[in-house]
Amino acid sequence: SPQAFDKTVVKDNSLAVGFFQRGFVHLQLEMYEEALADYHMAFRHLRKNPFIDYKQLGLRHILYAWEVLYSTAAAQCRLQQWQEARVTLDKAVVWRPEGRTAILDMALERVQDRLFLEPMQVPLGEFFRPRKKEVEQLDSKDFLGKPKVISSIIPNDEYIGFEPLRPQKQGFYEPSADTVR
């Protein structure tokens, strides 16, 4: 359901793959305007990168800019925006990695013939699975420790401030002249 992806993109509103997947769901639900908006957001959040590899975050998937554009064209076809779909596919050709022209050439022919395109999607069964090590670190940790009040054991010590430790003299403690300044 798109609601699950709504929660995801609210938590991380620059998660390109979240918009990409929600766009796919919107297309399946025949919510074409919403799908198109999601694909535009996904492409914008790629921030001019040809792809984003989500393996580091626990999703075994690489989201390619050309795939986002291909899916954008699929949404445009459903909205009868054939000219826009052709322009989007031309843009996808520029973003595709070498050797992926065949699929885009076929897509351009389909758009020419006013036939719908099937959108790309994250492979079924692929989910975000953060590494166990990262999930264990989600417990709050106290990096600062407990606060301690440290007072001088020298009876006449009126000095207040910070300075490096230095050897103590017998008797009255006096701060160094540098520190007082």
N, C-alpha and C. Protein backbone atom coordinates (compact mmCIF):
# COMPACT_ATOMS: atom_id res chain seq x y z
N SER A 1 0.83 -1.19 0.00
CA SER A 1 0.00 0.00 0.00
C SER A 1 0.87 1.25 0.00
N PRO A 2 0.41 2.33 -0.60
CA PRO A 2 1.22 3.55 -0.61
C PRO A 2 1.43 4.14 0.78
N GLN A 3 0.54 3.79 1.74
CA GLN A 3 0.67 4.36 3.09
C GLN A 3 2.00 3.95 3.74
N ALA A 4 2.44 2.72 3.50
CA ALA A 4 3.72 2.27 4.06
C ALA A 4 4.86 3.13 3.52
N PHE A 5 4.80 3.44 2.24
CA PHE A 5 5.84 4.28 1.64
C PHE A 5 5.68 5.74 2.06
N ASP A 6 4.42 6.16 2.35
CA ASP A 6 4.22 7.52 2.87
C ASP A 6 5.02 7.69 4.16
N LYS A 7 4.93 6.70 5.06
CA LYS A 7 5.65 6.77 6.34
C LYS A 7 7.16 6.79 6.09
N THR A 8 7.59 6.01 5.11
CA THR A 8 9.03 5.94 4.81
C THR A 8 9.56 7.27 4.33
N VAL A 9 8.87 7.90 3.36
CA VAL A 9 9.39 9.14 2.80
C VAL A 9 9.21 10.32 3.75
N VAL A 10 8.29 10.20 4.72
CA VAL A 10 8.19 11.24 5.75
C VAL A 10 9.42 11.17 6.65
N LYS A 11 9.85 9.93 6.96
CA LYS A 11 11.03 9.77 7.82
C LYS A 11 12.32 10.17 7.11
N ASP A 12 12.40 9.90 5.83
CA ASP A 12 13.58 10.29 5.05
C ASP A 12 13.09 10.85 3.72
N ASN A 13 12.87 12.17 3.67
CA ASN A 13 12.24 12.75 2.48
C ASN A 13 13.21 12.95 1.33
N SER A 14 14.42 12.40 1.42
CA SER A 14 15.30 12.42 0.25
C SER A 14 15.66 10.99 -0.17
N LEU A 15 14.85 10.03 0.26
CA LEU A 15 15.09 8.62 -0.07
C LEU A 15 14.52 8.33 -1.46
N ALA A 16 15.38 8.42 -2.46
CA ALA A 16 14.93 8.27 -3.85
C ALA A 16 14.20 6.95 -4.08
N VAL A 17 14.73 5.87 -3.51
CA VAL A 17 14.12 4.56 -3.75
C VAL A 17 12.74 4.47 -3.11
N GLY A 18 12.48 5.21 -2.05
CA GLY A 18 11.16 5.24 -1.43
C GLY A 18 10.13 5.85 -2.38
N PHE A 19 10.50 6.97 -3.00
CA PHE A 19 9.60 7.60 -3.99
C PHE A 19 9.42 6.70 -5.21
N PHE A 20 10.52 6.05 -5.61
CA PHE A 20 10.48 5.16 -6.77
C PHE A 20 9.48 4.02 -6.54
N GLN A 21 9.57 3.39 -5.36
CA GLN A 21 8.69 2.27 -5.06
C GLN A 21 7.24 2.74 -4.88
N ARG A 22 7.06 3.90 -4.25
CA ARG A 22 5.70 4.40 -4.08
C ARG A 22 5.10 4.75 -5.45
N GLY A 23 5.94 5.26 -6.37
CA GLY A 23 5.47 5.53 -7.73
C GLY A 23 4.95 4.27 -8.40
N PHE A 24 5.66 3.16 -8.21
CA PHE A 24 5.23 1.89 -8.79
C PHE A 24 3.87 1.48 -8.22
N VAL A 25 3.72 1.60 -6.90
CA VAL A 25 2.45 1.23 -6.27
C VAL A 25 1.31 2.13 -6.78
N HIS A 26 1.59 3.43 -6.89
CA HIS A 26 0.56 4.35 -7.41
C HIS A 26 0.16 3.96 -8.84
N LEU A 27 1.12 3.54 -9.65
CA LEU A 27 0.78 3.11 -11.02
C LEU A 27 -0.13 1.89 -10.98
N GLN A 28 0.18 0.94 -10.09
CA GLN A 28 -0.65 -0.27 -9.99
C GLN A 28 -2.07 0.07 -9.55
N LEU A 29 -2.19 1.13 -8.74
CA LEU A 29 -3.51 1.56 -8.25
C LEU A 29 -4.20 2.54 -9.21
N GLU A 30 -3.58 2.75 -10.37
CA GLU A 30 -4.10 3.67 -11.39
C GLU A 30 -4.19 5.11 -10.89
N MET A 31 -3.28 5.46 -9.99
CA MET A 31 -3.17 6.84 -9.49
C MET A 31 -2.00 7.48 -10.25
N TYR A 32 -2.26 7.79 -11.52
CA TYR A 32 -1.18 8.14 -12.44
C TYR A 32 -0.50 9.47 -12.12
N GLU A 33 -1.27 10.46 -11.73
CA GLU A 33 -0.67 11.77 -11.38
C GLU A 33 0.28 11.62 -10.20
N GLU A 34 -0.17 10.85 -9.19
CA GLU A 34 0.66 10.63 -8.00
C GLU A 34 1.93 9.86 -8.37
N ALA A 35 1.77 8.87 -9.25
CA ALA A 35 2.93 8.08 -9.69
C ALA A 35 3.94 8.98 -10.38
N LEU A 36 3.44 9.83 -11.28
CA LEU A 36 4.33 10.73 -12.01
C LEU A 36 5.07 11.66 -11.05
N ALA A 37 4.35 12.20 -10.07
CA ALA A 37 4.99 13.09 -9.07
C ALA A 37 6.07 12.34 -8.30
N ASP A 38 5.78 11.08 -7.92
CA ASP A 38 6.77 10.28 -7.19
C ASP A 38 8.02 10.02 -8.02
N TYR A 39 7.84 9.71 -9.29
CA TYR A 39 9.00 9.45 -10.15
C TYR A 39 9.84 10.72 -10.34
N HIS A 40 9.16 11.86 -10.44
CA HIS A 40 9.91 13.13 -10.53
C HIS A 40 10.73 13.36 -9.25
N MET A 41 10.11 13.06 -8.09
CA MET A 41 10.82 13.22 -6.81
C MET A 41 12.00 12.25 -6.72
N ALA A 42 11.79 11.02 -7.15
CA ALA A 42 12.88 10.03 -7.12
C ALA A 42 14.06 10.51 -7.95
N PHE A 43 13.76 11.02 -9.15
CA PHE A 43 14.85 11.49 -10.02
C PHE A 43 15.55 12.70 -9.39
N ARG A 44 14.78 13.61 -8.81
CA ARG A 44 15.38 14.79 -8.19
C ARG A 44 16.30 14.38 -7.03
N HIS A 45 15.88 13.36 -6.26
CA HIS A 45 16.68 12.94 -5.10
C HIS A 45 17.87 12.05 -5.48
N LEU A 46 17.99 11.72 -6.75
CA LEU A 46 19.24 11.08 -7.20
C LEU A 46 20.35 12.13 -7.27
N ARG A 47 19.98 13.40 -7.22
CA ARG A 47 20.92 14.53 -7.21
C ARG A 47 21.99 14.41 -8.29
N LYS A 48 21.55 14.19 -9.51
CA LYS A 48 22.42 14.13 -10.69
C LYS A 48 23.43 12.98 -10.66
N ASN A 49 23.18 11.98 -9.79
CA ASN A 49 24.01 10.77 -9.79
C ASN A 49 23.40 9.78 -10.77
N PRO A 50 24.24 9.05 -11.50
CA PRO A 50 23.68 8.06 -12.44
C PRO A 50 23.02 6.90 -11.71
N PHE A 51 23.36 6.68 -10.45
CA PHE A 51 22.74 5.60 -9.66
C PHE A 51 23.01 5.85 -8.18
N ILE A 52 22.23 5.15 -7.35
CA ILE A 52 22.50 5.09 -5.91
C ILE A 52 22.50 3.62 -5.54
N ASP A 53 23.58 3.18 -4.90
CA ASP A 53 23.70 1.79 -4.44
C ASP A 53 23.22 1.74 -2.99
N TYR A 54 22.14 1.04 -2.75
CA TYR A 54 21.55 1.00 -1.41
C TYR A 54 22.06 -0.16 -0.57
N LYS A 55 23.07 -0.90 -1.07
CA LYS A 55 23.56 -2.05 -0.31
C LYS A 55 24.08 -1.64 1.06
N GLN A 56 24.72 -0.48 1.14
CA GLN A 56 25.26 -0.03 2.43
C GLN A 56 24.17 0.15 3.47
N LEU A 57 22.94 0.47 3.01
CA LEU A 57 21.83 0.67 3.95
C LEU A 57 21.04 -0.61 4.20
N GLY A 58 21.42 -1.69 3.54
CA GLY A 58 20.74 -2.95 3.78
C GLY A 58 19.69 -3.33 2.74
N LEU A 59 19.68 -2.65 1.58
CA LEU A 59 18.77 -3.02 0.49
C LEU A 59 19.64 -3.42 -0.68
N ARG A 60 19.56 -4.69 -1.07
CA ARG A 60 20.41 -5.17 -2.17
C ARG A 60 19.83 -4.73 -3.50
N HIS A 61 19.98 -3.44 -3.77
CA HIS A 61 19.45 -2.89 -5.03
C HIS A 61 20.21 -1.62 -5.38
N ILE A 62 20.44 -1.46 -6.67
CA ILE A 62 21.02 -0.22 -7.17
C ILE A 62 19.94 0.47 -7.98
N LEU A 63 19.62 1.70 -7.61
CA LEU A 63 18.60 2.46 -8.33
C LEU A 63 19.32 3.32 -9.37
N TYR A 64 19.01 3.07 -10.65
CA TYR A 64 19.63 3.80 -11.75
C TYR A 64 18.73 4.94 -12.22
N ALA A 65 19.36 6.05 -12.56
CA ALA A 65 18.62 7.22 -13.04
C ALA A 65 17.81 6.88 -14.29
N TRP A 66 18.39 6.08 -15.21
CA TRP A 66 17.67 5.77 -16.45
C TRP A 66 16.41 4.95 -16.16
N GLU A 67 16.45 4.10 -15.11
CA GLU A 67 15.27 3.30 -14.75
C GLU A 67 14.16 4.20 -14.20
N VAL A 68 14.57 5.20 -13.41
CA VAL A 68 13.59 6.15 -12.88
C VAL A 68 12.94 6.91 -14.03
N LEU A 69 13.75 7.32 -15.01
CA LEU A 69 13.21 8.04 -16.17
C LEU A 69 12.31 7.13 -17.01
N TYR A 70 12.69 5.88 -17.16
CA TYR A 70 11.87 4.91 -17.90
C TYR A 70 10.50 4.79 -17.25
N SER A 71 10.50 4.67 -15.91
CA SER A 71 9.23 4.55 -15.18
C SER A 71 8.43 5.85 -15.25
N THR A 72 9.14 6.98 -15.29
CA THR A 72 8.47 8.27 -15.46
C THR A 72 7.71 8.27 -16.80
N ALA A 73 8.39 7.78 -17.83
CA ALA A 73 7.76 7.71 -19.16
C ALA A 73 6.55 6.76 -19.13
N ALA A 74 6.65 5.68 -18.33
CA ALA A 74 5.52 4.75 -18.22
C ALA A 74 4.30 5.47 -17.63
N ALA A 75 4.54 6.31 -16.63
CA ALA A 75 3.44 7.07 -16.03
C ALA A 75 2.89 8.09 -17.03
N GLN A 76 3.78 8.72 -17.78
CA GLN A 76 3.34 9.71 -18.77
C GLN A 76 2.47 9.05 -19.85
N CYS A 77 2.82 7.82 -20.24
CA CYS A 77 2.00 7.09 -21.22
C CYS A 77 0.59 6.87 -20.69
N ARG A 78 0.49 6.47 -19.41
CA ARG A 78 -0.83 6.23 -18.82
C ARG A 78 -1.67 7.51 -18.82
N LEU A 79 -0.99 8.66 -18.75
CA LEU A 79 -1.68 9.96 -18.75
C LEU A 79 -1.85 10.50 -20.18
N GLN A 80 -1.55 9.66 -21.17
CA GLN A 80 -1.66 10.05 -22.58
C GLN A 80 -0.71 11.20 -22.95
N GLN A 81 0.38 11.33 -22.19
CA GLN A 81 1.37 12.38 -22.48
C GLN A 81 2.48 11.76 -23.35
N TRP A 82 2.13 11.43 -24.57
CA TRP A 82 3.04 10.67 -25.43
C TRP A 82 4.29 11.46 -25.80
N GLN A 83 4.13 12.74 -26.11
CA GLN A 83 5.29 13.56 -26.48
C GLN A 83 6.25 13.69 -25.30
N GLU A 84 5.70 13.93 -24.11
CA GLU A 84 6.53 14.04 -22.90
C GLU A 84 7.26 12.73 -22.62
N ALA A 85 6.56 11.61 -22.84
CA ALA A 85 7.17 10.29 -22.63
C ALA A 85 8.36 10.10 -23.56
N ARG A 86 8.22 10.55 -24.81
CA ARG A 86 9.32 10.42 -25.77
C ARG A 86 10.52 11.25 -25.31
N VAL A 87 10.26 12.48 -24.86
CA VAL A 87 11.35 13.35 -24.37
C VAL A 87 12.04 12.72 -23.16
N THR A 88 11.24 12.14 -22.25
CA THR A 88 11.79 11.50 -21.05
C THR A 88 12.66 10.31 -21.43
N LEU A 89 12.22 9.52 -22.40
CA LEU A 89 13.02 8.37 -22.84
C LEU A 89 14.32 8.81 -23.52
N ASP A 90 14.27 9.91 -24.27
CA ASP A 90 15.50 10.45 -24.86
C ASP A 90 16.49 10.83 -23.76
N LYS A 91 15.94 11.39 -22.68
CA LYS A 91 16.78 11.76 -21.53
C LYS A 91 17.35 10.49 -20.86
N ALA A 92 16.54 9.43 -20.80
CA ALA A 92 16.99 8.16 -20.21
C ALA A 92 18.16 7.58 -20.99
N VAL A 93 18.14 7.74 -22.31
CA VAL A 93 19.24 7.23 -23.15
C VAL A 93 20.56 7.89 -22.73
N VAL A 94 20.51 9.18 -22.39
CA VAL A 94 21.71 9.89 -21.97
C VAL A 94 22.23 9.35 -20.64
N TRP A 95 21.32 8.95 -19.75
CA TRP A 95 21.69 8.50 -18.40
C TRP A 95 22.01 7.01 -18.31
N ARG A 96 21.68 6.24 -19.36
CA ARG A 96 21.85 4.80 -19.24
C ARG A 96 23.33 4.42 -19.26
N PRO A 97 23.66 3.32 -18.56
CA PRO A 97 25.03 2.81 -18.69
C PRO A 97 25.21 2.20 -20.08
N GLU A 98 26.44 2.05 -20.49
CA GLU A 98 26.70 1.49 -21.83
C GLU A 98 26.02 0.13 -21.98
N GLY A 99 25.52 -0.12 -23.18
CA GLY A 99 24.98 -1.44 -23.49
C GLY A 99 23.52 -1.64 -23.10
N ARG A 100 22.83 -0.60 -22.64
CA ARG A 100 21.42 -0.77 -22.26
C ARG A 100 20.49 -0.10 -23.26
N THR A 101 20.97 0.11 -24.47
CA THR A 101 20.15 0.87 -25.44
C THR A 101 18.97 0.06 -25.94
N ALA A 102 19.09 -1.25 -26.03
CA ALA A 102 18.03 -2.07 -26.64
C ALA A 102 16.69 -1.85 -25.95
N ILE A 103 16.67 -1.89 -24.64
CA ILE A 103 15.41 -1.74 -23.90
C ILE A 103 14.81 -0.35 -24.14
N LEU A 104 15.67 0.65 -24.23
CA LEU A 104 15.18 2.02 -24.44
C LEU A 104 14.73 2.23 -25.89
N ASP A 105 15.42 1.59 -26.82
CA ASP A 105 15.00 1.67 -28.22
C ASP A 105 13.61 1.05 -28.40
N MET A 106 13.39 -0.10 -27.73
CA MET A 106 12.08 -0.76 -27.81
C MET A 106 11.01 0.12 -27.15
N ALA A 107 11.38 0.75 -26.05
CA ALA A 107 10.43 1.63 -25.35
C ALA A 107 10.03 2.81 -26.24
N LEU A 108 11.00 3.39 -26.93
CA LEU A 108 10.70 4.51 -27.83
C LEU A 108 9.75 4.08 -28.95
N GLU A 109 9.95 2.85 -29.46
CA GLU A 109 9.05 2.34 -30.50
C GLU A 109 7.64 2.16 -29.95
N ARG A 110 7.54 1.64 -28.72
CA ARG A 110 6.21 1.44 -28.09
C ARG A 110 5.50 2.78 -27.92
N VAL A 111 6.24 3.79 -27.47
CA VAL A 111 5.65 5.12 -27.27
C VAL A 111 5.20 5.69 -28.62
N GLN A 112 6.03 5.47 -29.64
CA GLN A 112 5.69 5.93 -31.00
C GLN A 112 4.35 5.32 -31.44
N ASP A 113 4.16 4.03 -31.09
CA ASP A 113 2.94 3.32 -31.45
C ASP A 113 1.82 3.51 -30.42
N ARG A 114 2.07 4.39 -29.46
CA ARG A 114 1.10 4.69 -28.39
C ARG A 114 0.70 3.44 -27.60
N LEU A 115 1.72 2.67 -27.23
CA LEU A 115 1.52 1.50 -26.38
C LEU A 115 2.14 1.79 -25.01
N PHE A 116 1.50 1.29 -23.97
CA PHE A 116 1.99 1.54 -22.60
C PHE A 116 3.31 0.83 -22.35
N LEU A 117 4.08 1.39 -21.42
CA LEU A 117 5.32 0.78 -20.94
C LEU A 117 5.06 0.21 -19.55
N GLU A 118 5.70 -0.90 -19.26
CA GLU A 118 5.62 -1.45 -17.91
C GLU A 118 6.74 -0.81 -17.08
N PRO A 119 6.41 -0.24 -15.92
CA PRO A 119 7.43 0.45 -15.14
C PRO A 119 8.45 -0.52 -14.54
N MET A 120 9.62 0.01 -14.23
CA MET A 120 10.64 -0.77 -13.53
C MET A 120 10.25 -0.80 -12.05
N GLN A 121 10.82 -1.76 -11.32
CA GLN A 121 10.58 -1.79 -9.88
C GLN A 121 11.74 -2.46 -9.18
N VAL A 122 11.81 -2.26 -7.88
CA VAL A 122 12.78 -2.99 -7.07
C VAL A 122 12.35 -4.44 -7.11
N PRO A 123 13.28 -5.39 -7.33
CA PRO A 123 12.87 -6.80 -7.44
C PRO A 123 12.02 -7.24 -6.25
N LEU A 124 11.00 -8.03 -6.54
CA LEU A 124 10.13 -8.53 -5.47
C LEU A 124 10.95 -9.32 -4.46
N GLY A 125 10.60 -9.17 -3.21
CA GLY A 125 11.30 -9.89 -2.15
C GLY A 125 12.52 -9.16 -1.61
N GLU A 126 12.88 -8.04 -2.21
CA GLU A 126 14.00 -7.26 -1.69
C GLU A 126 13.47 -6.24 -0.68
N PHE A 127 14.01 -6.31 0.52
CA PHE A 127 13.59 -5.40 1.59
C PHE A 127 14.82 -4.77 2.21
N PHE A 128 14.59 -3.63 2.87
CA PHE A 128 15.68 -3.06 3.65
C PHE A 128 15.95 -4.00 4.81
N ARG A 129 17.17 -4.50 4.89
CA ARG A 129 17.57 -5.34 6.01
C ARG A 129 18.89 -4.78 6.54
N PRO A 130 18.81 -3.85 7.49
CA PRO A 130 20.06 -3.30 8.02
C PRO A 130 20.91 -4.40 8.65
N ARG A 131 22.22 -4.24 8.58
CA ARG A 131 23.11 -5.23 9.15
C ARG A 131 22.90 -5.31 10.66
N LYS A 132 23.05 -6.51 11.21
CA LYS A 132 22.80 -6.74 12.64
C LYS A 132 23.63 -5.78 13.50
N LYS A 133 24.86 -5.57 13.08
CA LYS A 133 25.76 -4.70 13.82
C LYS A 133 25.17 -3.29 13.95
N GLU A 134 24.55 -2.79 12.87
CA GLU A 134 23.99 -1.44 12.90
C GLU A 134 22.74 -1.36 13.76
N VAL A 135 21.93 -2.41 13.74
CA VAL A 135 20.71 -2.43 14.54
C VAL A 135 21.05 -2.50 16.02
N GLU A 136 22.09 -3.26 16.38
CA GLU A 136 22.50 -3.35 17.78
C GLU A 136 22.90 -1.99 18.32
N GLN A 137 23.43 -1.13 17.46
CA GLN A 137 23.89 0.18 17.90
C GLN A 137 22.76 1.19 18.03
N LEU A 138 21.50 0.76 17.77
CA LEU A 138 20.38 1.69 17.88
C LEU A 138 20.03 1.98 19.34
N ASP A 139 20.48 1.09 20.28
CA ASP A 139 20.24 1.38 21.69
C ASP A 139 20.97 2.66 22.05
N SER A 140 20.33 3.46 22.91
CA SER A 140 20.99 4.72 23.27
C SER A 140 22.23 4.42 24.09
N LYS A 141 23.26 5.17 23.82
CA LYS A 141 24.52 4.99 24.54
C LYS A 141 24.88 6.30 25.21
N ASP A 142 25.47 6.18 26.37
CA ASP A 142 25.90 7.36 27.12
C ASP A 142 27.38 7.55 26.84
N PHE A 143 27.69 8.40 25.87
CA PHE A 143 29.09 8.61 25.50
C PHE A 143 29.81 9.53 26.46
N LEU A 144 29.07 10.37 27.18
CA LEU A 144 29.70 11.34 28.08
C LEU A 144 29.92 10.78 29.47
N GLY A 145 29.24 9.73 29.85
CA GLY A 145 29.37 9.20 31.20
C GLY A 145 28.58 10.05 32.18
N LYS A 146 28.70 9.68 33.43
CA LYS A 146 27.99 10.43 34.47
C LYS A 146 28.80 11.66 34.84
N PRO A 147 28.11 12.80 35.08
CA PRO A 147 28.86 14.00 35.47
C PRO A 147 29.45 13.84 36.87
N LYS A 148 30.66 14.39 37.06
CA LYS A 148 31.33 14.31 38.35
C LYS A 148 31.71 15.71 38.77
N VAL A 149 31.52 15.99 40.06
CA VAL A 149 31.98 17.27 40.60
C VAL A 149 33.36 17.01 41.17
N ILE A 150 34.32 17.78 40.69
CA ILE A 150 35.69 17.61 41.17
C ILE A 150 36.05 18.87 41.93
N SER A 151 36.43 18.70 43.15
CA SER A 151 36.83 19.86 43.94
C SER A 151 38.25 19.64 44.44
N SER A 152 38.88 20.73 44.78
CA SER A 152 40.27 20.67 45.23
C SER A 152 40.32 20.19 46.67
N ILE A 153 41.35 19.44 46.95
CA ILE A 153 41.54 19.02 48.35
C ILE A 153 42.45 20.00 49.09
N ILE A 154 42.90 21.03 48.35
CA ILE A 154 43.77 22.03 48.98
C ILE A 154 42.86 23.07 49.65
N PRO A 155 43.01 23.29 50.93
CA PRO A 155 42.06 24.14 51.65
C PRO A 155 41.99 25.59 51.17
N ASN A 156 43.09 26.19 50.76
CA ASN A 156 43.10 27.61 50.38
C ASN A 156 42.81 27.82 48.90
N ASP A 157 42.46 26.77 48.16
CA ASP A 157 42.34 26.87 46.70
C ASP A 157 41.08 27.63 46.32
N GLU A 158 41.24 28.83 45.74
CA GLU A 158 40.10 29.63 45.28
C GLU A 158 40.04 29.68 43.75
N TYR A 159 40.97 28.99 43.12
CA TYR A 159 41.05 29.05 41.66
C TYR A 159 39.87 28.32 41.02
N ILE A 160 39.24 28.96 40.02
CA ILE A 160 38.16 28.34 39.24
C ILE A 160 38.55 28.49 37.77
N GLY A 161 38.56 27.44 37.04
CA GLY A 161 38.89 27.53 35.62
C GLY A 161 39.43 26.21 35.10
N PHE A 162 39.94 26.26 33.87
CA PHE A 162 40.46 25.06 33.24
C PHE A 162 41.91 25.30 32.86
N GLU A 163 42.72 24.35 33.15
CA GLU A 163 44.11 24.38 32.71
C GLU A 163 44.63 22.96 32.73
N PRO A 164 45.73 22.70 32.04
CA PRO A 164 46.26 21.33 32.04
C PRO A 164 46.74 20.97 33.45
N LEU A 165 46.78 19.67 33.71
CA LEU A 165 47.30 19.22 35.01
C LEU A 165 48.77 19.60 35.13
N ARG A 166 49.16 19.98 36.33
CA ARG A 166 50.58 20.26 36.56
C ARG A 166 50.92 19.76 37.95
N PRO A 167 52.18 19.55 38.20
CA PRO A 167 52.57 18.99 39.51
C PRO A 167 52.13 19.91 40.64
N GLN A 168 51.66 19.33 41.74
CA GLN A 168 51.22 20.09 42.90
C GLN A 168 52.43 20.41 43.79
N LYS A 169 52.43 21.63 44.35
CA LYS A 169 53.48 22.00 45.32
C LYS A 169 52.91 21.77 46.71
N GLN A 170 53.78 21.55 47.65
CA GLN A 170 53.35 21.41 49.04
C GLN A 170 52.78 22.75 49.50
N GLY A 171 51.68 22.72 50.21
CA GLY A 171 51.17 23.95 50.79
C GLY A 171 50.16 24.64 49.90
N PHE A 172 50.28 25.96 49.82
CA PHE A 172 49.28 26.77 49.13
C PHE A 172 49.36 26.59 47.62
N TYR A 173 48.23 26.37 46.99
CA TYR A 173 48.18 26.18 45.54
C TYR A 173 47.89 27.51 44.87
N GLU A 174 48.71 27.88 43.91
CA GLU A 174 48.47 29.12 43.16
C GLU A 174 48.43 28.78 41.66
N PRO A 175 47.41 29.28 40.94
CA PRO A 175 47.39 29.04 39.51
C PRO A 175 48.52 29.75 38.81
N SER A 176 48.95 29.23 37.66
CA SER A 176 50.04 29.87 36.92
C SER A 176 49.60 31.23 36.41
N ALA A 177 50.54 32.14 36.22
CA ALA A 177 50.26 33.50 35.76
C ALA A 177 49.56 33.47 34.39
N ASP A 178 49.94 32.54 33.52
CA ASP A 178 49.34 32.43 32.18
C ASP A 178 47.84 32.16 32.28
N THR A 179 47.48 31.28 33.19
CA THR A 179 46.07 30.89 33.32
C THR A 179 45.22 32.03 33.85
N VAL A 180 45.74 32.78 34.78
CA VAL A 180 44.99 33.90 35.35
C VAL A 180 44.67 34.92 34.28
N ARG A 181 45.61 35.18 33.36
CA ARG A 181 45.38 36.10 32.26
C ARG A 181 44.29 35.58 31.40
